[in-house]
Amino acid sequence: MKKRSKFAIVVILLAIAAIYYYVSIPAVNIHSAQTWFFVMTLFVVLIIYYAVRKRVTRVELGTNKILRSMIGLLVVFGIVYLAGSVLSSPIINAKKYQKLMKVKTGEFSKDVKELSYDRIPLLDKDTAALLGDRKMGSMVDMVSQFEADDIYSQINYKNNPVRVTPLKYANLIKWFTNRREGIPAYIRINMATQTTELVKLKEGIKYTTSEHLNRNIYRHLRFAHPTYIYGELSFEIDEAGVPYWIAPVKKYNIGLFGGETVGKVVLCNAVTGETKTYDIKDVPSWVDRAYSADILVQLFDYYGTLKHGFLNSVLSQKDCLETTDGYNYLALDDDVWMYTGVTSVNGDQSNVGFVLANQRTMETKYYTVEGATEASAMSSAEGQVQNLKYEATFPLLLNISKEPTYFIALKDDAGLVKKYAMVNVHKYQIVAIGDSVSQCEENYRNLLGENGIKKAEKDTRDVKKITGKITKIAQAVIDGTSHYYVMLEGSDDIFDTSVVDFIDIVKCEVGQTISLEYKEGDKANTVMSLKTETDKESNTQDKDTENINK
């Protein structure tokens, strides 16, 4: 009976350890702090079990050899863990930490090109989540079974700034009834046009964060690679729209636990569960996020604060720079770059520059641009619409007329974008507001000219002519002025006609022939003159009258 009871106890302990491993899924890796805690916890359980089974008294604690050995091993593990933590820290390895990230000096106007409106991400993650929830609410066949996950990874998809997120099971029961087919779709939101799509799949997503057993993506990756220490996962799609999980594998460059970067990346097909591992230098170009924004910010802070050692970063803080409280994303050259401002550690209210870091390659560029902090720019933008109580999003840095410019979306209480603002980095008193990006930019360029920062550029566009029947006509109000947008037969162009300049446009209808003089624009051509059939008839009658009089 004693042997059976011992065996049963051993089985129970092993079962508890297996359940703990299945739930917590620690990496079997000497660099994983979770693994060290797992091993030390097992030792504590064994010590307690042995002491209880042998009924060891306090007096016997120091004389029982087996118990002393187990306690000694536990102490050794604890000492090694603490020593490893200290020896891996920036306190001892400041120079190594400072060199983890290689930072180049960039030229702003050369590296950051002026973006067209369809490449500027206008929405932040919170607004994207609102649009995603609205889209789900309109899908009657899915809304009762699934919800939008809160991941919303920002990627560059076919040269467009996009956020994508998978759906998730609404609850445990919905998971149980739908897990065979999997999750049928994911949400894709164009950050420039605000177009929200529910992309349905031929075969459902089987590997997600909302799975509860082996197909849970974290558990699936752990069983595929027991020794890998994964960073923050992201959800992306390739150029064909196939969903993938991007799992960066941490690399520790300093001691046991220090100098964290990314050494490998595991790509997991969210539908089939197939995994493939790449060295960081060989990651496919369509992957946009191997390095999270948080780790890039941390690496630059090491670079900026540890130039003269750890003590200097704490005491005198000479030449110490750090990132500001926030970041945003910019799509450049088919990659996503993390943007954040850089300020002095001394805590003044201005930036000394900013950083762009590639989330796939970790390539980092620093730009010396003195000016307002993002917080100051946000306050300036909010001050322009304080009567509306709009809230500013964290800025995005743009190149407008070769001037570094904060671009800010202004949201109402419901979290929807209502206006846009552009704030000059050098002089944050220069603030332009607009209901559209184009209007905001036009106001901003005018302000630059008025303040002597940028000379007004001469409009060199040629004036062209077109005559045709109206096929479509629509009205919009921009900054309190009515505009009519017209399309003509035989042309795919859109012609923007201001009612203030051409009042006769209100008389025009579909099917009517008109003649326009215009200048070409990016999205719509600007109408310079308008003639309707009535005008032509009037001119003909005038000429006939002249002939009769003669």
Protein backbone atom coordinates (compact mmCIF):
# COMPACT_ATOMS: atom_id res chain seq x y z
CA MET A 1 0.00 0.00 0.00
CA LYS A 2 2.86 2.36 0.79
CA LYS A 3 4.36 1.80 -2.67
CA ARG A 4 0.97 2.44 -4.27
CA SER A 5 0.47 5.63 -2.26
CA LYS A 6 3.96 6.85 -3.18
CA PHE A 7 3.32 6.10 -6.81
CA ALA A 8 -0.04 7.88 -6.68
CA ILE A 9 1.57 10.94 -5.10
CA VAL A 10 4.28 11.00 -7.76
CA VAL A 11 1.63 10.72 -10.48
CA ILE A 12 -0.35 13.57 -8.90
CA LEU A 13 2.74 15.77 -8.70
CA LEU A 14 3.62 15.04 -12.31
CA ALA A 15 0.03 15.78 -13.35
CA ILE A 16 0.12 19.10 -11.50
CA ALA A 17 3.43 19.98 -13.19
CA ALA A 18 2.00 19.01 -16.60
CA ILE A 19 -1.13 21.12 -16.07
CA TYR A 20 1.00 24.05 -14.92
CA TYR A 21 3.16 23.72 -18.04
CA TYR A 22 0.12 23.40 -20.32
CA VAL A 23 -1.45 26.54 -18.86
CA SER A 24 1.63 28.74 -18.43
CA ILE A 25 3.61 27.27 -21.41
CA PRO A 26 7.08 28.47 -20.32
CA ALA A 27 9.99 28.17 -22.73
CA VAL A 28 12.51 25.47 -21.89
CA ASN A 29 15.37 27.90 -22.15
CA ILE A 30 18.07 29.05 -19.75
CA HIS A 31 17.39 32.67 -20.75
CA SER A 32 13.73 32.46 -19.73
CA ALA A 33 12.97 33.86 -16.27
CA GLN A 34 9.68 31.92 -16.40
CA THR A 35 11.63 28.65 -16.71
CA TRP A 36 13.72 29.49 -13.66
CA PHE A 37 10.60 30.21 -11.61
CA PHE A 38 9.03 26.98 -12.85
CA VAL A 39 12.05 24.92 -11.73
CA MET A 40 12.32 26.67 -8.36
CA THR A 41 8.58 26.20 -7.77
CA LEU A 42 9.00 22.45 -8.38
CA PHE A 43 11.82 22.36 -5.83
CA VAL A 44 9.65 24.13 -3.25
CA VAL A 45 6.83 21.62 -3.82
CA LEU A 46 9.23 18.67 -3.51
CA ILE A 47 10.75 20.07 -0.32
CA ILE A 48 7.33 20.58 1.27
CA TYR A 49 6.18 17.12 0.14
CA TYR A 50 9.31 15.45 1.51
CA ALA A 51 9.16 17.33 4.82
CA VAL A 52 5.49 16.46 5.33
CA ARG A 53 5.89 12.81 4.31
CA LYS A 54 8.92 12.28 6.53
CA ARG A 55 7.41 14.43 9.27
CA VAL A 56 10.63 16.40 9.58
CA THR A 57 10.70 18.59 12.67
CA ARG A 58 12.40 21.94 13.03
CA VAL A 59 15.28 20.30 14.87
CA GLU A 60 15.78 17.83 12.00
CA LEU A 61 15.79 20.47 9.28
CA GLY A 62 19.54 20.98 9.67
CA THR A 63 20.45 17.32 9.97
CA ASN A 64 18.36 15.65 7.24
CA LYS A 65 20.84 15.24 4.36
CA ILE A 66 18.26 14.81 1.59
CA LEU A 67 16.29 17.85 2.73
CA ARG A 68 19.47 19.89 3.08
CA SER A 69 20.53 18.90 -0.42
CA MET A 70 17.22 19.95 -1.93
CA ILE A 71 17.23 23.25 -0.03
CA GLY A 72 20.85 23.79 -1.09
CA LEU A 73 19.96 23.25 -4.74
CA LEU A 74 17.06 25.70 -4.40
CA VAL A 75 19.40 28.30 -2.89
CA VAL A 76 21.95 27.73 -5.67
CA PHE A 77 19.25 28.24 -8.32
CA GLY A 78 18.14 31.42 -6.57
CA ILE A 79 21.69 32.78 -6.34
CA VAL A 80 22.43 31.99 -9.99
CA TYR A 81 19.19 33.68 -11.04
CA LEU A 82 19.90 36.82 -9.00
CA ALA A 83 23.54 36.93 -10.12
CA GLY A 84 22.46 36.46 -13.73
CA SER A 85 19.96 39.29 -13.40
CA VAL A 86 22.55 41.69 -11.95
CA LEU A 87 25.32 40.72 -14.37
CA SER A 88 22.92 41.15 -17.29
CA SER A 89 21.76 44.62 -16.24
CA PRO A 90 22.76 48.02 -17.72
CA ILE A 91 24.41 48.88 -14.39
CA ILE A 92 27.38 46.67 -15.30
CA ASN A 93 27.05 46.53 -19.08
CA ALA A 94 26.22 50.12 -20.03
CA LYS A 95 28.51 50.18 -23.10
CA LYS A 96 27.08 46.92 -24.46
CA TYR A 97 23.53 48.16 -24.02
CA GLN A 98 24.37 51.47 -25.68
CA LYS A 99 25.62 49.65 -28.79
CA LEU A 100 22.64 47.30 -29.20
CA MET A 101 21.00 49.68 -31.67
CA LYS A 102 22.96 51.24 -34.50
CA VAL A 103 21.63 54.72 -35.22
CA LYS A 104 22.37 56.67 -38.38
CA THR A 105 21.90 60.40 -38.87
CA GLY A 106 19.29 61.08 -41.51
CA GLU A 107 18.33 64.03 -43.71
CA PHE A 108 14.66 64.82 -43.14
CA SER A 109 13.59 66.28 -46.50
CA LYS A 110 15.45 63.51 -48.36
CA ASP A 111 14.39 60.47 -46.32
CA VAL A 112 10.81 61.51 -45.55
CA LYS A 113 9.11 62.21 -48.86
CA GLU A 114 5.90 64.20 -49.14
CA LEU A 115 3.07 61.67 -49.08
CA SER A 116 -0.08 61.78 -51.15
CA TYR A 117 -3.34 61.84 -49.20
CA ASP A 118 -4.03 58.16 -49.87
CA ARG A 119 -0.81 57.19 -48.06
CA ILE A 120 -1.36 59.16 -44.84
CA PRO A 121 -2.83 57.08 -41.99
CA LEU A 122 -5.63 59.24 -40.64
CA LEU A 123 -6.87 56.90 -37.88
CA ASP A 124 -5.35 55.69 -34.65
CA LYS A 125 -5.92 52.23 -33.18
CA ASP A 126 -8.88 53.29 -31.02
CA THR A 127 -10.76 54.79 -33.96
CA ALA A 128 -9.96 51.73 -36.07
CA ALA A 129 -11.45 49.56 -33.32
CA LEU A 130 -14.66 51.66 -33.41
CA LEU A 131 -14.94 51.18 -37.17
CA GLY A 132 -14.28 47.47 -36.76
CA ASP A 133 -17.02 47.13 -34.15
CA ARG A 134 -19.45 49.02 -36.39
CA LYS A 135 -18.65 46.72 -39.27
CA MET A 136 -19.26 43.67 -37.10
CA GLY A 137 -22.58 45.16 -35.95
CA SER A 138 -23.75 45.30 -39.57
CA MET A 139 -22.92 41.63 -40.22
CA VAL A 140 -26.12 40.01 -38.95
CA ASP A 141 -24.94 36.48 -39.79
CA MET A 142 -21.74 36.80 -37.73
CA VAL A 143 -22.28 39.31 -34.94
CA SER A 144 -24.00 36.79 -32.66
CA GLN A 145 -21.11 34.33 -32.94
CA PHE A 146 -17.97 36.43 -33.27
CA GLU A 147 -16.40 39.69 -32.16
CA ALA A 148 -13.53 41.76 -33.50
CA ASP A 149 -10.26 41.04 -31.70
CA ASP A 150 -8.48 44.08 -30.28
CA ILE A 151 -5.14 43.46 -32.06
CA TYR A 152 -5.45 45.82 -35.08
CA SER A 153 -1.85 45.49 -36.31
CA GLN A 154 -0.76 48.34 -38.59
CA ILE A 155 0.86 47.08 -41.78
CA ASN A 156 1.68 48.28 -45.28
CA TYR A 157 -0.59 46.31 -47.62
CA LYS A 158 -0.16 46.93 -51.36
CA ASN A 159 1.41 50.32 -50.58
CA ASN A 160 -1.52 51.38 -48.39
CA PRO A 161 -1.47 51.95 -44.61
CA VAL A 162 -3.82 49.30 -43.26
CA ARG A 163 -4.85 47.86 -39.90
CA VAL A 164 -5.92 44.22 -39.72
CA THR A 165 -7.39 42.13 -36.95
CA PRO A 166 -8.95 38.67 -36.82
CA LEU A 167 -12.36 37.93 -35.38
CA LYS A 168 -12.63 35.96 -32.16
CA TYR A 169 -15.25 33.69 -30.65
CA ALA A 170 -17.83 35.66 -28.67
CA ASN A 171 -17.69 33.28 -25.68
CA LEU A 172 -16.90 29.72 -24.63
CA ILE A 173 -20.16 28.30 -26.00
CA LYS A 174 -19.69 30.07 -29.36
CA TRP A 175 -16.17 28.63 -29.50
CA PHE A 176 -17.46 25.12 -28.87
CA THR A 177 -20.12 25.36 -31.61
CA ASN A 178 -17.92 27.03 -34.25
CA ARG A 179 -14.42 25.64 -33.65
CA ARG A 180 -14.75 22.93 -36.32
CA GLU A 181 -15.10 25.49 -39.15
CA GLY A 182 -12.92 28.09 -37.45
CA ILE A 183 -13.20 31.87 -37.70
CA PRO A 184 -14.58 32.82 -41.14
CA ALA A 185 -13.09 36.29 -41.67
CA TYR A 186 -10.81 39.11 -40.60
CA ILE A 187 -11.25 42.89 -40.66
CA ARG A 188 -9.13 45.14 -42.86
CA ILE A 189 -9.26 48.93 -42.46
CA ASN A 190 -7.59 51.37 -44.83
CA MET A 191 -6.14 54.03 -42.53
CA ALA A 192 -6.14 56.68 -45.26
CA THR A 193 -9.58 56.25 -46.82
CA GLN A 194 -11.22 54.83 -43.66
CA THR A 195 -12.69 52.02 -45.78
CA THR A 196 -13.59 49.05 -43.56
CA GLU A 197 -13.84 45.56 -45.06
CA LEU A 198 -14.79 42.21 -43.61
CA VAL A 199 -12.64 39.80 -45.63
CA LYS A 200 -14.27 36.39 -45.76
CA LEU A 201 -12.08 33.30 -46.18
CA LYS A 202 -12.72 30.09 -48.08
CA GLU A 203 -11.37 28.16 -45.11
CA GLY A 204 -11.70 29.50 -41.57
CA ILE A 205 -8.89 30.66 -39.26
CA LYS A 206 -8.16 27.76 -36.90
CA TYR A 207 -5.28 29.19 -34.87
CA THR A 208 -6.23 32.25 -32.83
CA THR A 209 -5.88 33.89 -29.45
CA SER A 210 -9.46 32.93 -28.57
CA GLU A 211 -8.88 29.16 -28.91
CA HIS A 212 -8.82 27.31 -25.58
CA LEU A 213 -6.93 24.08 -26.34
CA ASN A 214 -4.05 23.08 -28.63
CA ARG A 215 -5.04 25.46 -31.42
CA ASN A 216 -4.51 28.47 -29.17
CA ILE A 217 -1.80 30.29 -31.10
CA TYR A 218 0.49 30.71 -28.08
CA ARG A 219 0.24 27.03 -27.18
CA HIS A 220 0.61 25.95 -30.80
CA LEU A 221 3.83 27.96 -31.16
CA ARG A 222 5.17 26.69 -27.85
CA PHE A 223 4.66 23.04 -28.79
CA ALA A 224 6.20 23.69 -32.21
CA HIS A 225 9.32 25.27 -30.66
CA PRO A 226 9.62 24.48 -26.92
CA THR A 227 12.89 26.44 -26.52
CA TYR A 228 11.90 29.67 -28.27
CA ILE A 229 11.19 32.74 -26.13
CA TYR A 230 8.58 34.66 -28.09
CA GLY A 231 8.04 38.39 -28.11
CA GLU A 232 4.75 40.18 -28.78
CA LEU A 233 2.76 38.50 -31.55
CA SER A 234 1.18 40.45 -34.40
CA PHE A 235 -1.47 39.54 -36.97
CA GLU A 236 -0.63 40.31 -40.61
CA ILE A 237 -1.65 39.36 -44.13
CA ASP A 238 0.61 38.68 -47.09
CA GLU A 239 0.17 40.29 -50.51
CA ALA A 240 -2.44 37.64 -51.41
CA GLY A 241 -4.48 38.42 -48.30
CA VAL A 242 -3.58 35.17 -46.50
CA PRO A 243 -3.60 35.69 -42.69
CA TYR A 244 -0.45 34.95 -40.68
CA TRP A 245 0.74 35.25 -37.11
CA ILE A 246 4.14 36.91 -36.84
CA ALA A 247 6.04 35.63 -33.79
CA PRO A 248 9.42 37.30 -33.10
CA VAL A 249 11.89 35.11 -31.19
CA LYS A 250 13.86 36.98 -28.55
CA LYS A 251 17.64 37.02 -28.58
CA TYR A 252 19.58 37.84 -25.40
CA ASN A 253 22.90 39.48 -26.21
CA ILE A 254 24.13 40.34 -22.70
CA GLY A 255 24.40 37.67 -19.98
CA LEU A 256 21.45 35.46 -19.08
CA PHE A 257 18.60 37.95 -19.31
CA GLY A 258 19.94 41.18 -20.84
CA GLY A 259 20.26 42.91 -24.18
CA GLU A 260 16.99 41.74 -25.68
CA THR A 261 16.63 41.99 -29.45
CA VAL A 262 15.11 39.70 -32.11
CA GLY A 263 17.09 36.82 -33.60
CA LYS A 264 14.46 34.86 -35.51
CA VAL A 265 10.88 35.23 -36.66
CA VAL A 266 8.32 32.43 -36.86
CA LEU A 267 5.55 32.82 -39.44
CA CYS A 268 2.44 30.76 -38.67
CA ASN A 269 -0.34 30.38 -41.22
CA ALA A 270 -3.46 31.24 -39.22
CA VAL A 271 -5.60 28.85 -41.29
CA THR A 272 -3.43 25.73 -41.52
CA GLY A 273 -1.14 26.22 -38.52
CA GLU A 274 1.94 25.61 -40.67
CA THR A 275 5.03 27.34 -39.24
CA LYS A 276 8.28 28.46 -40.83
CA THR A 277 11.25 30.03 -39.07
CA TYR A 278 13.45 32.75 -40.58
CA ASP A 279 16.58 34.44 -39.35
CA ILE A 280 15.82 38.10 -38.81
CA LYS A 281 17.87 39.12 -41.86
CA ASP A 282 15.90 36.73 -44.12
CA VAL A 283 12.35 37.69 -43.11
CA PRO A 284 10.10 38.18 -46.20
CA SER A 285 9.65 41.80 -47.22
CA TRP A 286 5.85 41.67 -46.85
CA VAL A 287 6.29 41.16 -43.09
CA ASP A 288 6.06 44.58 -41.46
CA ARG A 289 6.47 43.95 -37.75
CA ALA A 290 9.28 41.84 -36.32
CA TYR A 291 10.28 44.45 -33.73
CA SER A 292 7.52 45.90 -31.59
CA ALA A 293 7.44 49.66 -31.10
CA ASP A 294 8.08 49.20 -27.36
CA ILE A 295 11.34 47.30 -27.87
CA LEU A 296 12.55 49.84 -30.44
CA VAL A 297 11.81 52.67 -28.00
CA GLN A 298 13.67 50.85 -25.24
CA LEU A 299 16.70 50.20 -27.45
CA PHE A 300 16.92 53.85 -28.45
CA ASP A 301 16.63 54.92 -24.82
CA TYR A 302 19.66 52.72 -24.07
CA TYR A 303 21.47 54.37 -26.98
CA GLY A 304 20.55 57.88 -25.85
CA THR A 305 21.08 57.64 -22.11
CA LEU A 306 24.13 55.36 -21.73
CA LYS A 307 26.66 57.22 -23.88
CA HIS A 308 28.79 58.09 -20.86
CA GLY A 309 27.98 55.13 -18.64
CA PHE A 310 25.23 54.17 -16.23
CA LEU A 311 26.16 56.58 -13.42
CA ASN A 312 26.05 59.55 -15.79
CA SER A 313 22.54 58.50 -16.90
CA VAL A 314 21.39 58.71 -13.27
CA LEU A 315 23.44 61.58 -11.82
CA SER A 316 24.76 64.37 -14.09
CA GLN A 317 22.87 63.12 -17.20
CA LYS A 318 25.28 64.85 -19.58
CA ASP A 319 24.30 64.42 -23.27
CA CYS A 320 21.46 62.10 -22.29
CA LEU A 321 18.52 61.81 -24.67
CA GLU A 322 15.31 59.83 -24.37
CA THR A 323 12.16 59.24 -26.37
CA THR A 324 8.94 61.10 -25.67
CA ASP A 325 5.81 59.53 -24.21
CA GLY A 326 4.27 58.01 -27.29
CA TYR A 327 4.85 56.83 -30.83
CA ASN A 328 3.12 56.48 -34.18
CA TYR A 329 3.67 54.68 -37.46
CA LEU A 330 4.66 55.81 -40.94
CA ALA A 331 4.60 53.75 -44.14
CA LEU A 332 7.80 54.32 -46.14
CA ASP A 333 9.28 52.22 -48.96
CA ASP A 334 6.88 49.30 -48.41
CA ASP A 335 7.83 49.07 -44.71
CA VAL A 336 6.30 50.36 -41.50
CA TRP A 337 8.53 52.68 -39.49
CA MET A 338 7.97 53.58 -35.87
CA TYR A 339 8.16 57.32 -35.21
CA THR A 340 8.82 58.99 -31.86
CA GLY A 341 10.24 62.29 -30.71
CA VAL A 342 13.50 62.70 -28.80
CA THR A 343 13.99 65.11 -25.92
CA SER A 344 16.58 65.92 -23.30
CA VAL A 345 16.47 63.93 -20.06
CA ASN A 346 16.57 67.23 -18.17
CA GLY A 347 12.86 67.58 -18.91
CA ASP A 348 12.61 70.76 -20.99
CA GLN A 349 9.45 71.30 -23.01
CA SER A 350 10.98 70.86 -26.46
CA ASN A 351 12.23 68.10 -28.72
CA VAL A 352 15.80 68.03 -29.99
CA GLY A 353 14.97 65.59 -32.78
CA PHE A 354 13.05 62.50 -33.70
CA VAL A 355 13.64 58.87 -34.61
CA LEU A 356 12.37 56.59 -37.36
CA ALA A 357 12.95 52.86 -36.78
CA ASN A 358 12.11 50.09 -39.26
CA GLN A 359 9.94 47.46 -37.55
CA ARG A 360 11.21 44.68 -39.80
CA THR A 361 14.95 45.35 -39.95
CA MET A 362 15.57 47.58 -36.88
CA GLU A 363 17.24 50.13 -39.17
CA THR A 364 17.12 53.38 -37.22
CA LYS A 365 17.64 56.98 -38.27
CA TYR A 366 17.91 60.03 -36.04
CA TYR A 367 16.99 63.51 -37.28
CA THR A 368 18.09 66.67 -35.54
CA VAL A 369 14.97 68.80 -35.63
CA GLU A 370 14.44 71.18 -32.74
CA GLY A 371 10.90 72.12 -31.91
CA ALA A 372 7.78 71.46 -29.90
CA THR A 373 7.06 68.17 -28.19
CA GLU A 374 4.15 66.09 -29.39
CA ALA A 375 2.22 67.02 -26.24
CA SER A 376 2.66 70.74 -26.99
CA ALA A 377 1.51 70.24 -30.57
CA MET A 378 -1.55 68.31 -29.40
CA SER A 379 -2.43 71.11 -26.99
CA SER A 380 -2.04 73.71 -29.75
CA ALA A 381 -4.35 71.75 -32.05
CA GLU A 382 -6.97 71.28 -29.32
CA GLY A 383 -6.78 74.99 -28.54
CA GLN A 384 -7.93 75.83 -32.06
CA VAL A 385 -11.17 73.87 -31.55
CA GLN A 386 -11.58 74.25 -27.79
CA ASN A 387 -15.24 75.23 -28.23
CA LEU A 388 -15.88 71.80 -29.79
CA LYS A 389 -13.89 69.93 -27.11
CA TYR A 390 -12.22 67.67 -29.65
CA GLU A 391 -9.41 65.42 -28.49
CA ALA A 392 -6.10 65.21 -30.36
CA THR A 393 -4.50 61.90 -31.31
CA PHE A 394 -0.75 61.33 -31.01
CA PRO A 395 0.88 63.16 -33.95
CA LEU A 396 2.36 61.71 -37.09
CA LEU A 397 5.40 63.46 -38.54
CA LEU A 398 5.05 64.53 -42.18
CA ASN A 399 7.08 66.48 -44.70
CA ILE A 400 5.02 69.44 -45.93
CA SER A 401 6.93 71.85 -48.19
CA LYS A 402 10.17 70.42 -46.74
CA GLU A 403 9.03 71.50 -43.28
CA PRO A 404 8.74 68.88 -40.49
CA THR A 405 5.07 69.00 -39.58
CA TYR A 406 2.93 67.27 -36.97
CA PHE A 407 -0.22 65.85 -38.49
CA ILE A 408 -2.99 65.33 -35.92
CA ALA A 409 -6.49 63.93 -36.12
CA LEU A 410 -9.11 65.56 -33.87
CA LYS A 411 -11.80 63.28 -32.46
CA ASP A 412 -15.15 63.96 -30.85
CA ASP A 413 -16.53 62.35 -27.68
CA ALA A 414 -17.66 59.32 -29.68
CA GLY A 415 -14.08 58.71 -30.84
CA LEU A 416 -14.73 59.62 -34.48
CA VAL A 417 -12.36 61.85 -36.47
CA LYS A 418 -14.02 65.20 -37.23
CA LYS A 419 -11.17 67.52 -38.19
CA TYR A 420 -7.47 67.50 -38.98
CA ALA A 421 -4.65 69.72 -37.81
CA MET A 422 -1.12 70.46 -38.99
CA VAL A 423 1.33 72.01 -36.56
CA ASN A 424 4.78 73.28 -37.50
CA VAL A 425 7.45 71.51 -35.44
CA HIS A 426 9.75 74.55 -35.23
CA LYS A 427 6.95 77.02 -34.45
CA TYR A 428 4.03 75.23 -32.88
CA GLN A 429 2.02 78.49 -32.85
CA ILE A 430 1.48 77.88 -36.58
CA VAL A 431 -1.57 75.64 -36.57
CA ALA A 432 -3.86 74.88 -39.50
CA ILE A 433 -7.26 73.19 -39.13
CA GLY A 434 -9.39 71.63 -41.85
CA ASP A 435 -12.39 69.37 -42.34
CA SER A 436 -10.38 67.36 -44.88
CA VAL A 437 -6.69 66.60 -45.27
CA SER A 438 -6.45 68.60 -48.51
CA GLN A 439 -8.13 71.63 -46.96
CA CYS A 440 -5.92 71.37 -43.87
CA GLU A 441 -2.79 71.21 -46.01
CA GLU A 442 -3.87 74.17 -48.15
CA ASN A 443 -4.49 76.25 -45.00
CA TYR A 444 -1.14 75.14 -43.59
CA ARG A 445 0.80 76.08 -46.73
CA ASN A 446 -0.86 79.49 -46.69
CA LEU A 447 0.19 79.98 -43.06
CA LEU A 448 3.76 79.04 -43.92
CA GLY A 449 3.76 81.72 -46.59
CA GLU A 450 2.17 84.34 -44.32
CA ASN A 451 4.79 83.67 -41.64
CA GLY A 452 7.69 83.91 -44.06
CA ILE A 453 8.69 80.27 -43.64
CA LYS A 454 7.85 79.26 -47.18
CA LYS A 455 7.34 81.45 -50.19
CA ALA A 456 4.05 80.97 -51.97
CA GLU A 457 4.62 78.58 -54.83
CA LYS A 458 3.50 79.72 -58.26
CA ASP A 459 0.80 77.57 -59.78
CA THR A 460 2.38 76.32 -63.03
CA ARG A 461 -0.45 73.97 -64.01
CA ASP A 462 -1.83 74.42 -67.52
CA VAL A 463 -5.47 75.41 -68.02
CA LYS A 464 -7.28 72.70 -70.00
CA LYS A 465 -10.73 72.60 -71.60
CA ILE A 466 -13.41 69.93 -71.82
CA THR A 467 -16.99 69.78 -73.09
CA GLY A 468 -19.43 66.96 -72.43
CA LYS A 469 -22.68 65.75 -70.92
CA ILE A 470 -22.92 65.46 -67.14
CA THR A 471 -23.05 61.79 -66.07
CA LYS A 472 -22.82 62.33 -62.31
CA ILE A 473 -23.13 65.31 -59.98
CA ALA A 474 -22.82 65.44 -56.19
CA GLN A 475 -22.75 68.20 -53.59
CA ALA A 476 -20.50 68.63 -50.54
CA VAL A 477 -19.83 71.40 -48.02
CA ILE A 478 -16.17 72.19 -47.30
CA ASP A 479 -15.31 74.81 -44.67
CA GLY A 480 -18.79 76.29 -45.01
CA THR A 481 -18.64 76.55 -48.81
CA SER A 482 -20.74 74.39 -51.13
CA HIS A 483 -18.92 72.47 -53.83
CA TYR A 484 -20.37 70.43 -56.69
CA TYR A 485 -18.39 67.46 -57.96
CA VAL A 486 -19.14 66.69 -61.61
CA MET A 487 -18.25 63.84 -63.98
CA LEU A 488 -18.60 64.17 -67.75
CA GLU A 489 -19.28 61.67 -70.48
CA GLY A 490 -16.10 60.16 -71.92
CA SER A 491 -13.94 61.11 -68.93
CA ASP A 492 -13.12 59.41 -65.61
CA ASP A 493 -11.97 62.68 -64.01
CA ILE A 494 -13.83 64.48 -61.23
CA PHE A 495 -14.28 68.25 -61.55
CA ASP A 496 -14.54 70.35 -58.37
CA THR A 497 -16.75 73.43 -58.84
CA SER A 498 -17.16 76.03 -56.08
CA VAL A 499 -20.65 77.54 -55.80
CA VAL A 500 -19.11 80.83 -54.63
CA ASP A 501 -17.21 81.17 -57.91
CA PHE A 502 -19.74 79.56 -60.28
CA ILE A 503 -23.32 79.94 -59.04
CA ASP A 504 -24.74 78.50 -62.29
CA ILE A 505 -23.55 75.03 -61.27
CA VAL A 506 -26.68 74.71 -59.09
CA LYS A 507 -28.81 74.77 -62.27
CA CYS A 508 -26.94 71.88 -63.88
CA GLU A 509 -28.39 68.37 -64.09
CA VAL A 510 -27.39 64.94 -65.33
CA GLY A 511 -27.56 64.85 -69.13
CA GLN A 512 -26.88 68.55 -69.58
CA THR A 513 -23.91 69.59 -71.75
CA ILE A 514 -21.40 71.98 -70.19
CA SER A 515 -17.95 73.35 -71.05
CA LEU A 516 -15.23 73.64 -68.40
CA GLU A 517 -11.79 75.14 -68.10
CA TYR A 518 -9.82 73.44 -65.35
CA LYS A 519 -6.47 72.69 -63.76
CA GLU A 520 -5.54 69.11 -62.94
CA GLY A 521 -5.40 68.02 -59.29
CA ASP A 522 -4.48 64.86 -57.37
CA LYS A 523 -8.01 63.66 -56.68
CA ALA A 524 -10.23 66.24 -58.40
CA ASN A 525 -9.62 68.87 -61.07
CA THR A 526 -10.21 72.49 -60.06
CA VAL A 527 -12.73 74.25 -62.32
CA MET A 528 -11.53 77.67 -63.53
CA SER A 529 -14.55 78.58 -65.73
CA LEU A 530 -18.00 77.16 -66.46
CA LYS A 531 -20.29 77.56 -69.47
CA THR A 532 -23.69 75.90 -69.76
CA GLU A 533 -25.94 75.38 -72.79
CA THR A 534 -27.96 78.41 -71.61
CA ASP A 535 -24.85 80.58 -71.78
CA LYS A 536 -24.15 79.44 -75.36
CA GLU A 537 -27.75 80.06 -76.46
CA SER A 538 -27.62 83.51 -74.86
CA ASN A 539 -24.39 84.34 -76.68
CA THR A 540 -25.92 83.16 -80.01
CA GLN A 541 -29.04 85.31 -79.52
CA ASP A 542 -26.89 88.35 -78.76
CA LYS A 543 -24.94 87.88 -81.99
CA ASP A 544 -28.19 87.49 -84.01
CA THR A 545 -29.55 90.72 -82.53
CA GLU A 546 -26.36 92.52 -83.47
CA ASN A 547 -26.66 91.31 -87.07
CA ILE A 548 -30.31 92.44 -87.34
CA ASN A 549 -29.45 95.90 -86.00
CA LYS A 550 -26.68 96.17 -88.53
